[in-house]
Each structure stands twice: as structure tokens, then as C-alpha cells.
mmCIF file of all heavy atoms, coordinates in Angstrom:
data_MODEL
# 
_entry.id   MODEL 
# 
loop_
_atom_site.group_PDB 
_atom_site.id 
_atom_site.type_symbol 
_atom_site.label_atom_id 
_atom_site.label_alt_id 
_atom_site.label_comp_id 
_atom_site.label_asym_id 
_atom_site.label_entity_id 
_atom_site.label_seq_id 
_atom_site.pdbx_PDB_ins_code 
_atom_site.Cartn_x 
_atom_site.Cartn_y 
_atom_site.Cartn_z 
_atom_site.occupancy 
_atom_site.B_iso_or_equiv 
_atom_site.pdbx_formal_charge 
_atom_site.auth_seq_id 
_atom_site.auth_comp_id 
_atom_site.auth_asym_id 
_atom_site.auth_atom_id 
_atom_site.pdbx_PDB_model_num 
ATOM 1   N N   . PHE A 1 1  ? 90.601  138.909 95.397  1.00 0.00 ? 1  PHE A N   1 
ATOM 2   C CA  . PHE A 1 1  ? 91.628  138.573 96.387  1.00 0.00 ? 1  PHE A CA  1 
ATOM 3   C C   . PHE A 1 1  ? 91.062  138.216 97.753  1.00 0.00 ? 1  PHE A C   1 
ATOM 4   O O   . PHE A 1 1  ? 91.698  137.488 98.525  1.00 0.00 ? 1  PHE A O   1 
ATOM 5   C CB  . PHE A 1 1  ? 92.608  139.744 96.532  1.00 0.00 ? 1  PHE A CB  1 
ATOM 6   C CG  . PHE A 1 1  ? 93.510  139.920 95.344  1.00 0.00 ? 1  PHE A CG  1 
ATOM 7   C CD1 . PHE A 1 1  ? 93.269  140.917 94.413  1.00 0.00 ? 1  PHE A CD1 1 
ATOM 8   C CD2 . PHE A 1 1  ? 94.588  139.077 95.139  1.00 0.00 ? 1  PHE A CD2 1 
ATOM 9   C CE1 . PHE A 1 1  ? 94.101  141.082 93.311  1.00 0.00 ? 1  PHE A CE1 1 
ATOM 10  C CE2 . PHE A 1 1  ? 95.426  139.225 94.039  1.00 0.00 ? 1  PHE A CE2 1 
ATOM 11  C CZ  . PHE A 1 1  ? 95.179  140.233 93.123  1.00 0.00 ? 1  PHE A CZ  1 
ATOM 12  N N   . VAL A 1 2  ? 89.875  138.705 98.086  1.00 0.00 ? 2  VAL A N   1 
ATOM 13  C CA  . VAL A 1 2  ? 89.303  138.417 99.404  1.00 0.00 ? 2  VAL A CA  1 
ATOM 14  C C   . VAL A 1 2  ? 88.918  136.946 99.546  1.00 0.00 ? 2  VAL A C   1 
ATOM 15  O O   . VAL A 1 2  ? 88.602  136.489 100.647 1.00 0.00 ? 2  VAL A O   1 
ATOM 16  C CB  . VAL A 1 2  ? 88.103  139.342 99.688  1.00 0.00 ? 2  VAL A CB  1 
ATOM 17  C CG1 . VAL A 1 2  ? 86.850  138.882 98.938  1.00 0.00 ? 2  VAL A CG1 1 
ATOM 18  C CG2 . VAL A 1 2  ? 87.843  139.468 101.186 1.00 0.00 ? 2  VAL A CG2 1 
ATOM 19  N N   . PHE A 1 3  ? 88.959  136.192 98.455  1.00 0.00 ? 3  PHE A N   1 
ATOM 20  C CA  . PHE A 1 3  ? 88.700  134.753 98.506  1.00 0.00 ? 3  PHE A CA  1 
ATOM 21  C C   . PHE A 1 3  ? 89.501  134.085 99.617  1.00 0.00 ? 3  PHE A C   1 
ATOM 22  O O   . PHE A 1 3  ? 88.973  133.264 100.376 1.00 0.00 ? 3  PHE A O   1 
ATOM 23  C CB  . PHE A 1 3  ? 89.048  134.111 97.157  1.00 0.00 ? 3  PHE A CB  1 
ATOM 24  C CG  . PHE A 1 3  ? 88.954  132.608 97.146  1.00 0.00 ? 3  PHE A CG  1 
ATOM 25  C CD1 . PHE A 1 3  ? 87.794  131.974 96.735  1.00 0.00 ? 3  PHE A CD1 1 
ATOM 26  C CD2 . PHE A 1 3  ? 90.027  131.810 97.548  1.00 0.00 ? 3  PHE A CD2 1 
ATOM 27  C CE1 . PHE A 1 3  ? 87.702  130.579 96.728  1.00 0.00 ? 3  PHE A CE1 1 
ATOM 28  C CE2 . PHE A 1 3  ? 89.954  130.426 97.547  1.00 0.00 ? 3  PHE A CE2 1 
ATOM 29  C CZ  . PHE A 1 3  ? 88.774  129.813 97.132  1.00 0.00 ? 3  PHE A CZ  1 
ATOM 30  N N   . ASP A 1 4  ? 90.787  134.413 99.709  1.00 0.00 ? 4  ASP A N   1 
ATOM 31  C CA  . ASP A 1 4  ? 91.650  133.806 100.727 1.00 0.00 ? 4  ASP A CA  1 
ATOM 32  C C   . ASP A 1 4  ? 91.085  133.991 102.130 1.00 0.00 ? 4  ASP A C   1 
ATOM 33  O O   . ASP A 1 4  ? 91.062  133.062 102.941 1.00 0.00 ? 4  ASP A O   1 
ATOM 34  C CB  . ASP A 1 4  ? 93.044  134.443 100.682 1.00 0.00 ? 4  ASP A CB  1 
ATOM 35  C CG  . ASP A 1 4  ? 93.981  133.737 99.707  1.00 0.00 ? 4  ASP A CG  1 
ATOM 36  O OD1 . ASP A 1 4  ? 93.631  132.657 99.211  1.00 0.00 ? 4  ASP A OD1 1 
ATOM 37  O OD2 . ASP A 1 4  ? 95.070  134.284 99.456  1.00 0.00 ? 4  ASP A OD2 1 
ATOM 38  N N   . ASN A 1 5  ? 90.652  135.213 102.415 1.00 0.00 ? 5  ASN A N   1 
ATOM 39  C CA  . ASN A 1 5  ? 90.166  135.520 103.752 1.00 0.00 ? 5  ASN A CA  1 
ATOM 40  C C   . ASN A 1 5  ? 88.823  134.857 104.020 1.00 0.00 ? 5  ASN A C   1 
ATOM 41  O O   . ASN A 1 5  ? 88.576  134.361 105.125 1.00 0.00 ? 5  ASN A O   1 
ATOM 42  C CB  . ASN A 1 5  ? 90.066  137.035 103.921 1.00 0.00 ? 5  ASN A CB  1 
ATOM 43  C CG  . ASN A 1 5  ? 90.111  137.447 105.368 1.00 0.00 ? 5  ASN A CG  1 
ATOM 44  O OD1 . ASN A 1 5  ? 89.080  137.708 105.963 1.00 0.00 ? 5  ASN A OD1 1 
ATOM 45  N ND2 . ASN A 1 5  ? 91.305  137.501 105.954 1.00 0.00 ? 5  ASN A ND2 1 
ATOM 46  N N   . GLN A 1 6  ? 87.972  134.830 103.023 1.00 0.00 ? 6  GLN A N   1 
ATOM 47  C CA  . GLN A 1 6  ? 86.686  134.158 103.171 1.00 0.00 ? 6  GLN A CA  1 
ATOM 48  C C   . GLN A 1 6  ? 86.890  132.672 103.443 1.00 0.00 ? 6  GLN A C   1 
ATOM 49  O O   . GLN A 1 6  ? 86.185  132.083 104.273 1.00 0.00 ? 6  GLN A O   1 
ATOM 50  C CB  . GLN A 1 6  ? 85.855  134.362 101.898 1.00 0.00 ? 6  GLN A CB  1 
ATOM 51  C CG  . GLN A 1 6  ? 85.396  135.792 101.685 1.00 0.00 ? 6  GLN A CG  1 
ATOM 52  C CD  . GLN A 1 6  ? 84.715  135.979 100.339 1.00 0.00 ? 6  GLN A CD  1 
ATOM 53  O OE1 . GLN A 1 6  ? 85.022  135.283 99.367  1.00 0.00 ? 6  GLN A OE1 1 
ATOM 54  N NE2 . GLN A 1 6  ? 83.798  136.923 100.262 1.00 0.00 ? 6  GLN A NE2 1 
ATOM 55  N N   . MET A 1 7  ? 87.849  132.072 102.777 1.00 0.00 ? 7  MET A N   1 
ATOM 56  C CA  . MET A 1 7  ? 88.116  130.643 102.959 1.00 0.00 ? 7  MET A CA  1 
ATOM 57  C C   . MET A 1 7  ? 88.563  130.352 104.387 1.00 0.00 ? 7  MET A C   1 
ATOM 58  O O   . MET A 1 7  ? 88.132  129.363 105.000 1.00 0.00 ? 7  MET A O   1 
ATOM 59  C CB  . MET A 1 7  ? 89.171  130.193 101.954 1.00 0.00 ? 7  MET A CB  1 
ATOM 60  C CG  . MET A 1 7  ? 89.355  128.689 101.877 1.00 0.00 ? 7  MET A CG  1 
ATOM 61  S SD  . MET A 1 7  ? 90.498  128.265 100.532 1.00 0.00 ? 7  MET A SD  1 
ATOM 62  C CE  . MET A 1 7  ? 90.462  126.463 100.638 1.00 0.00 ? 7  MET A CE  1 
ATOM 63  N N   . LEU A 1 8  ? 89.397  131.207 104.943 1.00 0.00 ? 8  LEU A N   1 
ATOM 64  C CA  . LEU A 1 8  ? 89.824  131.015 106.328 1.00 0.00 ? 8  LEU A CA  1 
ATOM 65  C C   . LEU A 1 8  ? 88.662  131.205 107.294 1.00 0.00 ? 8  LEU A C   1 
ATOM 66  O O   . LEU A 1 8  ? 88.527  130.455 108.267 1.00 0.00 ? 8  LEU A O   1 
ATOM 67  C CB  . LEU A 1 8  ? 90.942  131.999 106.676 1.00 0.00 ? 8  LEU A CB  1 
ATOM 68  C CG  . LEU A 1 8  ? 92.363  131.536 106.407 1.00 0.00 ? 8  LEU A CG  1 
ATOM 69  C CD1 . LEU A 1 8  ? 93.354  132.591 106.881 1.00 0.00 ? 8  LEU A CD1 1 
ATOM 70  C CD2 . LEU A 1 8  ? 92.649  130.205 107.078 1.00 0.00 ? 8  LEU A CD2 1 
ATOM 71  N N   . ALA A 1 9  ? 87.817  132.203 107.045 1.00 0.00 ? 9  ALA A N   1 
ATOM 72  C CA  . ALA A 1 9  ? 86.654  132.417 107.903 1.00 0.00 ? 9  ALA A CA  1 
ATOM 73  C C   . ALA A 1 9  ? 85.745  131.187 107.884 1.00 0.00 ? 9  ALA A C   1 
ATOM 74  O O   . ALA A 1 9  ? 85.227  130.763 108.927 1.00 0.00 ? 9  ALA A O   1 
ATOM 75  C CB  . ALA A 1 9  ? 85.886  133.662 107.449 1.00 0.00 ? 9  ALA A CB  1 
ATOM 76  N N   . GLN A 1 10 ? 85.551  130.589 106.712 1.00 0.00 ? 10 GLN A N   1 
ATOM 77  C CA  . GLN A 1 10 ? 84.727  129.386 106.611 1.00 0.00 ? 10 GLN A CA  1 
ATOM 78  C C   . GLN A 1 10 ? 85.368  128.218 107.362 1.00 0.00 ? 10 GLN A C   1 
ATOM 79  O O   . GLN A 1 10 ? 84.678  127.427 108.017 1.00 0.00 ? 10 GLN A O   1 
ATOM 80  C CB  . GLN A 1 10 ? 84.551  129.022 105.128 1.00 0.00 ? 10 GLN A CB  1 
ATOM 81  C CG  . GLN A 1 10 ? 83.699  130.008 104.346 1.00 0.00 ? 10 GLN A CG  1 
ATOM 82  C CD  . GLN A 1 10 ? 83.817  129.803 102.846 1.00 0.00 ? 10 GLN A CD  1 
ATOM 83  O OE1 . GLN A 1 10 ? 84.832  129.314 102.344 1.00 0.00 ? 10 GLN A OE1 1 
ATOM 84  N NE2 . GLN A 1 10 ? 82.788  130.189 102.104 1.00 0.00 ? 10 GLN A NE2 1 
ATOM 85  N N   . THR A 1 11 ? 86.681  128.119 107.273 1.00 0.00 ? 11 THR A N   1 
ATOM 86  C CA  . THR A 1 11 ? 87.404  127.044 107.958 1.00 0.00 ? 11 THR A CA  1 
ATOM 87  C C   . THR A 1 11 ? 87.219  127.149 109.469 1.00 0.00 ? 11 THR A C   1 
ATOM 88  O O   . THR A 1 11 ? 86.965  126.154 110.162 1.00 0.00 ? 11 THR A O   1 
ATOM 89  C CB  . THR A 1 11 ? 88.897  127.108 107.596 1.00 0.00 ? 11 THR A CB  1 
ATOM 90  O OG1 . THR A 1 11 ? 89.047  127.025 106.174 1.00 0.00 ? 11 THR A OG1 1 
ATOM 91  C CG2 . THR A 1 11 ? 89.666  125.975 108.256 1.00 0.00 ? 11 THR A CG2 1 
ATOM 92  N N   . ILE A 1 12 ? 87.326  128.359 109.981 1.00 0.00 ? 12 ILE A N   1 
ATOM 93  C CA  . ILE A 1 12 ? 87.132  128.585 111.423 1.00 0.00 ? 12 ILE A CA  1 
ATOM 94  C C   . ILE A 1 12 ? 85.680  128.342 111.805 1.00 0.00 ? 12 ILE A C   1 
ATOM 95  O O   . ILE A 1 12 ? 85.391  127.715 112.834 1.00 0.00 ? 12 ILE A O   1 
ATOM 96  C CB  . ILE A 1 12 ? 87.566  130.014 111.795 1.00 0.00 ? 12 ILE A CB  1 
ATOM 97  C CG1 . ILE A 1 12 ? 89.079  130.176 111.581 1.00 0.00 ? 12 ILE A CG1 1 
ATOM 98  C CG2 . ILE A 1 12 ? 87.200  130.340 113.241 1.00 0.00 ? 12 ILE A CG2 1 
ATOM 99  C CD1 . ILE A 1 12 ? 89.553  131.612 111.652 1.00 0.00 ? 12 ILE A CD1 1 
ATOM 100 N N   . TYR A 1 13 ? 84.757  128.807 110.988 1.00 0.00 ? 13 TYR A N   1 
ATOM 101 C CA  . TYR A 1 13 ? 83.330  128.655 111.280 1.00 0.00 ? 13 TYR A CA  1 
ATOM 102 C C   . TYR A 1 13 ? 82.956  127.184 111.406 1.00 0.00 ? 13 TYR A C   1 
ATOM 103 O O   . TYR A 1 13 ? 82.152  126.806 112.270 1.00 0.00 ? 13 TYR A O   1 
ATOM 104 C CB  . TYR A 1 13 ? 82.500  129.328 110.192 1.00 0.00 ? 13 TYR A CB  1 
ATOM 105 C CG  . TYR A 1 13 ? 81.027  129.381 110.506 1.00 0.00 ? 13 TYR A CG  1 
ATOM 106 C CD1 . TYR A 1 13 ? 80.495  130.403 111.281 1.00 0.00 ? 13 TYR A CD1 1 
ATOM 107 C CD2 . TYR A 1 13 ? 80.152  128.398 110.024 1.00 0.00 ? 13 TYR A CD2 1 
ATOM 108 C CE1 . TYR A 1 13 ? 79.145  130.462 111.590 1.00 0.00 ? 13 TYR A CE1 1 
ATOM 109 C CE2 . TYR A 1 13 ? 78.798  128.437 110.330 1.00 0.00 ? 13 TYR A CE2 1 
ATOM 110 C CZ  . TYR A 1 13 ? 78.304  129.480 111.110 1.00 0.00 ? 13 TYR A CZ  1 
ATOM 111 O OH  . TYR A 1 13 ? 76.951  129.513 111.425 1.00 0.00 ? 13 TYR A OH  1 
ATOM 112 N N   . GLN A 1 14 ? 83.551  126.339 110.572 1.00 0.00 ? 14 GLN A N   1 
ATOM 113 C CA  . GLN A 1 14 ? 83.224  124.914 110.604 1.00 0.00 ? 14 GLN A CA  1 
ATOM 114 C C   . GLN A 1 14 ? 84.049  124.137 111.634 1.00 0.00 ? 14 GLN A C   1 
ATOM 115 O O   . GLN A 1 14 ? 83.874  122.926 111.778 1.00 0.00 ? 14 GLN A O   1 
ATOM 116 C CB  . GLN A 1 14 ? 83.408  124.302 109.209 1.00 0.00 ? 14 GLN A CB  1 
ATOM 117 C CG  . GLN A 1 14 ? 82.388  124.813 108.196 1.00 0.00 ? 14 GLN A CG  1 
ATOM 118 C CD  . GLN A 1 14 ? 82.278  123.915 106.975 1.00 0.00 ? 14 GLN A CD  1 
ATOM 119 O OE1 . GLN A 1 14 ? 82.718  122.770 106.981 1.00 0.00 ? 14 GLN A OE1 1 
ATOM 120 N NE2 . GLN A 1 14 ? 81.664  124.433 105.921 1.00 0.00 ? 14 GLN A NE2 1 
ATOM 121 N N   . GLY A 1 15 ? 84.904  124.809 112.344 1.00 0.00 ? 15 GLY A N   1 
ATOM 122 C CA  . GLY A 1 15 ? 85.626  124.162 113.437 1.00 0.00 ? 15 GLY A CA  1 
ATOM 123 C C   . GLY A 1 15 ? 86.830  123.334 113.045 1.00 0.00 ? 15 GLY A C   1 
ATOM 124 O O   . GLY A 1 15 ? 87.293  122.496 113.833 1.00 0.00 ? 15 GLY A O   1 
ATOM 125 N N   . PHE A 1 16 ? 87.377  123.538 111.851 1.00 0.00 ? 16 PHE A N   1 
ATOM 126 C CA  . PHE A 1 16 ? 88.568  122.807 111.461 1.00 0.00 ? 16 PHE A CA  1 
ATOM 127 C C   . PHE A 1 16 ? 89.794  123.351 112.197 1.00 0.00 ? 16 PHE A C   1 
ATOM 128 O O   . PHE A 1 16 ? 89.860  124.528 112.558 1.00 0.00 ? 16 PHE A O   1 
ATOM 129 C CB  . PHE A 1 16 ? 88.780  122.904 109.945 1.00 0.00 ? 16 PHE A CB  1 
ATOM 130 C CG  . PHE A 1 16 ? 87.806  122.086 109.141 1.00 0.00 ? 16 PHE A CG  1 
ATOM 131 C CD1 . PHE A 1 16 ? 86.825  122.704 108.379 1.00 0.00 ? 16 PHE A CD1 1 
ATOM 132 C CD2 . PHE A 1 16 ? 87.857  120.704 109.166 1.00 0.00 ? 16 PHE A CD2 1 
ATOM 133 C CE1 . PHE A 1 16 ? 85.918  121.957 107.640 1.00 0.00 ? 16 PHE A CE1 1 
ATOM 134 C CE2 . PHE A 1 16 ? 86.957  119.937 108.428 1.00 0.00 ? 16 PHE A CE2 1 
ATOM 135 C CZ  . PHE A 1 16 ? 85.983  120.563 107.669 1.00 0.00 ? 16 PHE A CZ  1 
ATOM 136 N N   . ARG A 1 17 ? 90.766  122.504 112.399 1.00 0.00 ? 17 ARG A N   1 
ATOM 137 C CA  . ARG A 1 17 ? 91.980  122.865 113.140 1.00 0.00 ? 17 ARG A CA  1 
ATOM 138 C C   . ARG A 1 17 ? 92.998  123.495 112.192 1.00 0.00 ? 17 ARG A C   1 
ATOM 139 O O   . ARG A 1 17 ? 93.352  122.906 111.176 1.00 0.00 ? 17 ARG A O   1 
ATOM 140 C CB  . ARG A 1 17 ? 92.577  121.622 113.794 1.00 0.00 ? 17 ARG A CB  1 
ATOM 141 C CG  . ARG A 1 17 ? 91.633  120.899 114.759 1.00 0.00 ? 17 ARG A CG  1 
ATOM 142 C CD  . ARG A 1 17 ? 92.127  119.473 115.013 1.00 0.00 ? 17 ARG A CD  1 
ATOM 143 N NE  . ARG A 1 17 ? 92.144  118.698 113.778 1.00 0.00 ? 17 ARG A NE  1 
ATOM 144 C CZ  . ARG A 1 17 ? 92.748  117.518 113.631 1.00 0.00 ? 17 ARG A CZ  1 
ATOM 145 N NH1 . ARG A 1 17 ? 93.400  116.985 114.651 1.00 0.00 ? 17 ARG A NH1 1 
ATOM 146 N NH2 . ARG A 1 17 ? 92.714  116.883 112.467 1.00 0.00 ? 17 ARG A NH2 1 
ATOM 147 N N   . ILE A 1 18 ? 93.475  124.692 112.550 1.00 0.00 ? 18 ILE A N   1 
ATOM 148 C CA  . ILE A 1 18 ? 94.423  125.418 111.713 1.00 0.00 ? 18 ILE A CA  1 
ATOM 149 C C   . ILE A 1 18 ? 95.766  125.520 112.425 1.00 0.00 ? 18 ILE A C   1 
ATOM 150 O O   . ILE A 1 18 ? 95.844  125.994 113.561 1.00 0.00 ? 18 ILE A O   1 
ATOM 151 C CB  . ILE A 1 18 ? 93.910  126.834 111.395 1.00 0.00 ? 18 ILE A CB  1 
ATOM 152 C CG1 . ILE A 1 18 ? 92.545  126.768 110.711 1.00 0.00 ? 18 ILE A CG1 1 
ATOM 153 C CG2 . ILE A 1 18 ? 94.910  127.579 110.511 1.00 0.00 ? 18 ILE A CG2 1 
ATOM 154 C CD1 . ILE A 1 18 ? 91.898  128.125 110.506 1.00 0.00 ? 18 ILE A CD1 1 
ATOM 155 N N   . GLY A 1 19 ? 96.823  125.075 111.763 1.00 0.00 ? 19 GLY A N   1 
ATOM 156 C CA  . GLY A 1 19 ? 98.172  125.216 112.284 1.00 0.00 ? 19 GLY A CA  1 
ATOM 157 C C   . GLY A 1 19 ? 98.927  126.299 111.530 1.00 0.00 ? 19 GLY A C   1 
ATOM 158 O O   . GLY A 1 19 ? 98.560  126.675 110.409 1.00 0.00 ? 19 GLY A O   1 
ATOM 159 N N   . GLU A 1 20 ? 99.979  126.802 112.132 1.00 0.00 ? 20 GLU A N   1 
ATOM 160 C CA  . GLU A 1 20 ? 100.818 127.815 111.497 1.00 0.00 ? 20 GLU A CA  1 
ATOM 161 C C   . GLU A 1 20 ? 102.287 127.459 111.672 1.00 0.00 ? 20 GLU A C   1 
ATOM 162 O O   . GLU A 1 20 ? 102.677 126.825 112.656 1.00 0.00 ? 20 GLU A O   1 
ATOM 163 C CB  . GLU A 1 20 ? 100.588 129.196 112.117 1.00 0.00 ? 20 GLU A CB  1 
ATOM 164 C CG  . GLU A 1 20 ? 99.222  129.803 111.870 1.00 0.00 ? 20 GLU A CG  1 
ATOM 165 C CD  . GLU A 1 20 ? 99.127  131.211 112.437 1.00 0.00 ? 20 GLU A CD  1 
ATOM 166 O OE1 . GLU A 1 20 ? 98.904  131.337 113.654 1.00 0.00 ? 20 GLU A OE1 1 
ATOM 167 O OE2 . GLU A 1 20 ? 99.300  132.164 111.657 1.00 0.00 ? 20 GLU A OE2 1 
ATOM 168 N N   . LEU A 1 21 ? 103.095 127.887 110.720 1.00 0.00 ? 21 LEU A N   1 
ATOM 169 C CA  . LEU A 1 21 ? 104.544 127.822 110.875 1.00 0.00 ? 21 LEU A CA  1 
ATOM 170 C C   . LEU A 1 21 ? 105.154 129.081 110.283 1.00 0.00 ? 21 LEU A C   1 
ATOM 171 O O   . LEU A 1 21 ? 104.554 129.755 109.453 1.00 0.00 ? 21 LEU A O   1 
ATOM 172 C CB  . LEU A 1 21 ? 105.131 126.551 110.254 1.00 0.00 ? 21 LEU A CB  1 
ATOM 173 C CG  . LEU A 1 21 ? 104.811 126.169 108.809 1.00 0.00 ? 21 LEU A CG  1 
ATOM 174 C CD1 . LEU A 1 21 ? 105.550 127.050 107.822 1.00 0.00 ? 21 LEU A CD1 1 
ATOM 175 C CD2 . LEU A 1 21 ? 105.186 124.716 108.566 1.00 0.00 ? 21 LEU A CD2 1 
ATOM 176 N N   . SER A 1 22 ? 106.341 129.412 110.745 1.00 0.00 ? 22 SER A N   1 
ATOM 177 C CA  . SER A 1 22 ? 107.002 130.634 110.307 1.00 0.00 ? 22 SER A CA  1 
ATOM 178 C C   . SER A 1 22 ? 107.570 130.469 108.906 1.00 0.00 ? 22 SER A C   1 
ATOM 179 O O   . SER A 1 22 ? 108.150 129.433 108.573 1.00 0.00 ? 22 SER A O   1 
ATOM 180 C CB  . SER A 1 22 ? 108.117 130.994 111.290 1.00 0.00 ? 22 SER A CB  1 
ATOM 181 O OG  . SER A 1 22 ? 108.778 132.174 110.884 1.00 0.00 ? 22 SER A OG  1 
ATOM 182 N N   . CYS A 1 23 ? 107.392 131.509 108.076 1.00 0.00 ? 23 CYS A N   1 
ATOM 183 C CA  . CYS A 1 23 ? 107.834 131.445 106.690 1.00 0.00 ? 23 CYS A CA  1 
ATOM 184 C C   . CYS A 1 23 ? 108.548 132.733 106.291 1.00 0.00 ? 23 CYS A C   1 
ATOM 185 O O   . CYS A 1 23 ? 107.971 133.821 106.418 1.00 0.00 ? 23 CYS A O   1 
ATOM 186 C CB  . CYS A 1 23 ? 106.630 131.225 105.773 1.00 0.00 ? 23 CYS A CB  1 
ATOM 187 S SG  . CYS A 1 23 ? 107.021 131.248 104.009 1.00 0.00 ? 23 CYS A SG  1 
ATOM 188 N N   . PRO A 1 24 ? 109.775 132.640 105.796 1.00 0.00 ? 24 PRO A N   1 
ATOM 189 C CA  . PRO A 1 24 ? 110.420 133.833 105.243 1.00 0.00 ? 24 PRO A CA  1 
ATOM 190 C C   . PRO A 1 24 ? 109.721 134.231 103.955 1.00 0.00 ? 24 PRO A C   1 
ATOM 191 O O   . PRO A 1 24 ? 109.077 133.397 103.303 1.00 0.00 ? 24 PRO A O   1 
ATOM 192 C CB  . PRO A 1 24 ? 111.858 133.375 104.978 1.00 0.00 ? 24 PRO A CB  1 
ATOM 193 C CG  . PRO A 1 24 ? 111.731 131.896 104.755 1.00 0.00 ? 24 PRO A CG  1 
ATOM 194 C CD  . PRO A 1 24 ? 110.612 131.440 105.658 1.00 0.00 ? 24 PRO A CD  1 
ATOM 195 N N   . THR A 1 25 ? 109.828 135.481 103.581 1.00 0.00 ? 25 THR A N   1 
ATOM 196 C CA  . THR A 1 25 ? 109.180 135.927 102.354 1.00 0.00 ? 25 THR A CA  1 
ATOM 197 C C   . THR A 1 25 ? 110.107 136.863 101.605 1.00 0.00 ? 25 THR A C   1 
ATOM 198 O O   . THR A 1 25 ? 111.025 137.441 102.181 1.00 0.00 ? 25 THR A O   1 
ATOM 199 C CB  . THR A 1 25 ? 107.836 136.616 102.653 1.00 0.00 ? 25 THR A CB  1 
ATOM 200 O OG1 . THR A 1 25 ? 107.170 136.909 101.434 1.00 0.00 ? 25 THR A OG1 1 
ATOM 201 C CG2 . THR A 1 25 ? 108.044 137.902 103.434 1.00 0.00 ? 25 THR A CG2 1 
ATOM 202 N N   . ARG A 1 26 ? 109.872 136.979 100.313 1.00 0.00 ? 26 ARG A N   1 
ATOM 203 C CA  . ARG A 1 26 ? 110.706 137.824 99.472  1.00 0.00 ? 26 ARG A CA  1 
ATOM 204 C C   . ARG A 1 26 ? 109.826 138.825 98.730  1.00 0.00 ? 26 ARG A C   1 
ATOM 205 O O   . ARG A 1 26 ? 108.810 138.451 98.141  1.00 0.00 ? 26 ARG A O   1 
ATOM 206 C CB  . ARG A 1 26 ? 111.460 137.000 98.426  1.00 0.00 ? 26 ARG A CB  1 
ATOM 207 C CG  . ARG A 1 26 ? 112.174 135.767 98.940  1.00 0.00 ? 26 ARG A CG  1 
ATOM 208 C CD  . ARG A 1 26 ? 112.803 135.018 97.772  1.00 0.00 ? 26 ARG A CD  1 
ATOM 209 N NE  . ARG A 1 26 ? 113.431 133.766 98.172  1.00 0.00 ? 26 ARG A NE  1 
ATOM 210 C CZ  . ARG A 1 26 ? 112.828 132.589 98.128  1.00 0.00 ? 26 ARG A CZ  1 
ATOM 211 N NH1 . ARG A 1 26 ? 111.567 132.513 97.722  1.00 0.00 ? 26 ARG A NH1 1 
ATOM 212 N NH2 . ARG A 1 26 ? 113.457 131.494 98.497  1.00 0.00 ? 26 ARG A NH2 1 
ATOM 213 N N   . TYR A 1 27 ? 110.205 140.072 98.744  1.00 0.00 ? 27 TYR A N   1 
ATOM 214 C CA  . TYR A 1 27 ? 109.545 141.094 97.931  1.00 0.00 ? 27 TYR A CA  1 
ATOM 215 C C   . TYR A 1 27 ? 110.556 141.603 96.915  1.00 0.00 ? 27 TYR A C   1 
ATOM 216 O O   . TYR A 1 27 ? 111.606 142.114 97.276  1.00 0.00 ? 27 TYR A O   1 
ATOM 217 C CB  . TYR A 1 27 ? 109.035 142.236 98.808  1.00 0.00 ? 27 TYR A CB  1 
ATOM 218 C CG  . TYR A 1 27 ? 107.767 141.885 99.556  1.00 0.00 ? 27 TYR A CG  1 
ATOM 219 C CD1 . TYR A 1 27 ? 107.807 141.153 100.732 1.00 0.00 ? 27 TYR A CD1 1 
ATOM 220 C CD2 . TYR A 1 27 ? 106.517 142.263 99.063  1.00 0.00 ? 27 TYR A CD2 1 
ATOM 221 C CE1 . TYR A 1 27 ? 106.649 140.805 101.409 1.00 0.00 ? 27 TYR A CE1 1 
ATOM 222 C CE2 . TYR A 1 27 ? 105.352 141.924 99.729  1.00 0.00 ? 27 TYR A CE2 1 
ATOM 223 C CZ  . TYR A 1 27 ? 105.428 141.194 100.900 1.00 0.00 ? 27 TYR A CZ  1 
ATOM 224 O OH  . TYR A 1 27 ? 104.275 140.844 101.563 1.00 0.00 ? 27 TYR A OH  1 
ATOM 225 N N   . PHE A 1 28 ? 110.253 141.435 95.639  1.00 0.00 ? 28 PHE A N   1 
ATOM 226 C CA  . PHE A 1 28 ? 111.149 141.877 94.567  1.00 0.00 ? 28 PHE A CA  1 
ATOM 227 C C   . PHE A 1 28 ? 110.271 142.193 93.355  1.00 0.00 ? 28 PHE A C   1 
ATOM 228 O O   . PHE A 1 28 ? 109.077 141.849 93.321  1.00 0.00 ? 28 PHE A O   1 
ATOM 229 C CB  . PHE A 1 28 ? 112.188 140.796 94.246  1.00 0.00 ? 28 PHE A CB  1 
ATOM 230 C CG  . PHE A 1 28 ? 111.620 139.450 93.919  1.00 0.00 ? 28 PHE A CG  1 
ATOM 231 C CD1 . PHE A 1 28 ? 111.445 139.051 92.601  1.00 0.00 ? 28 PHE A CD1 1 
ATOM 232 C CD2 . PHE A 1 28 ? 111.253 138.551 94.937  1.00 0.00 ? 28 PHE A CD2 1 
ATOM 233 C CE1 . PHE A 1 28 ? 110.910 137.804 92.303  1.00 0.00 ? 28 PHE A CE1 1 
ATOM 234 C CE2 . PHE A 1 28 ? 110.734 137.304 94.645  1.00 0.00 ? 28 PHE A CE2 1 
ATOM 235 C CZ  . PHE A 1 28 ? 110.562 136.932 93.317  1.00 0.00 ? 28 PHE A CZ  1 
# 
């Protein structure tokens, strides 16, 4: 599962631009 976090760290390390938007979520 840590793959996701490693991928973001690599993205930041290489200087790529990251955007965010708000997302509702469901837990069921």
C-alpha cells in the first residue's frame, strides 16, 4: 500500500506540478 505514497514523493522530488480538488468519499 505504501506504493501510493512513494509515487507522490517521487513526483515532488522531480518537480512535477500537483493539483488537488475536493472529493466526497463513502465508507460502507
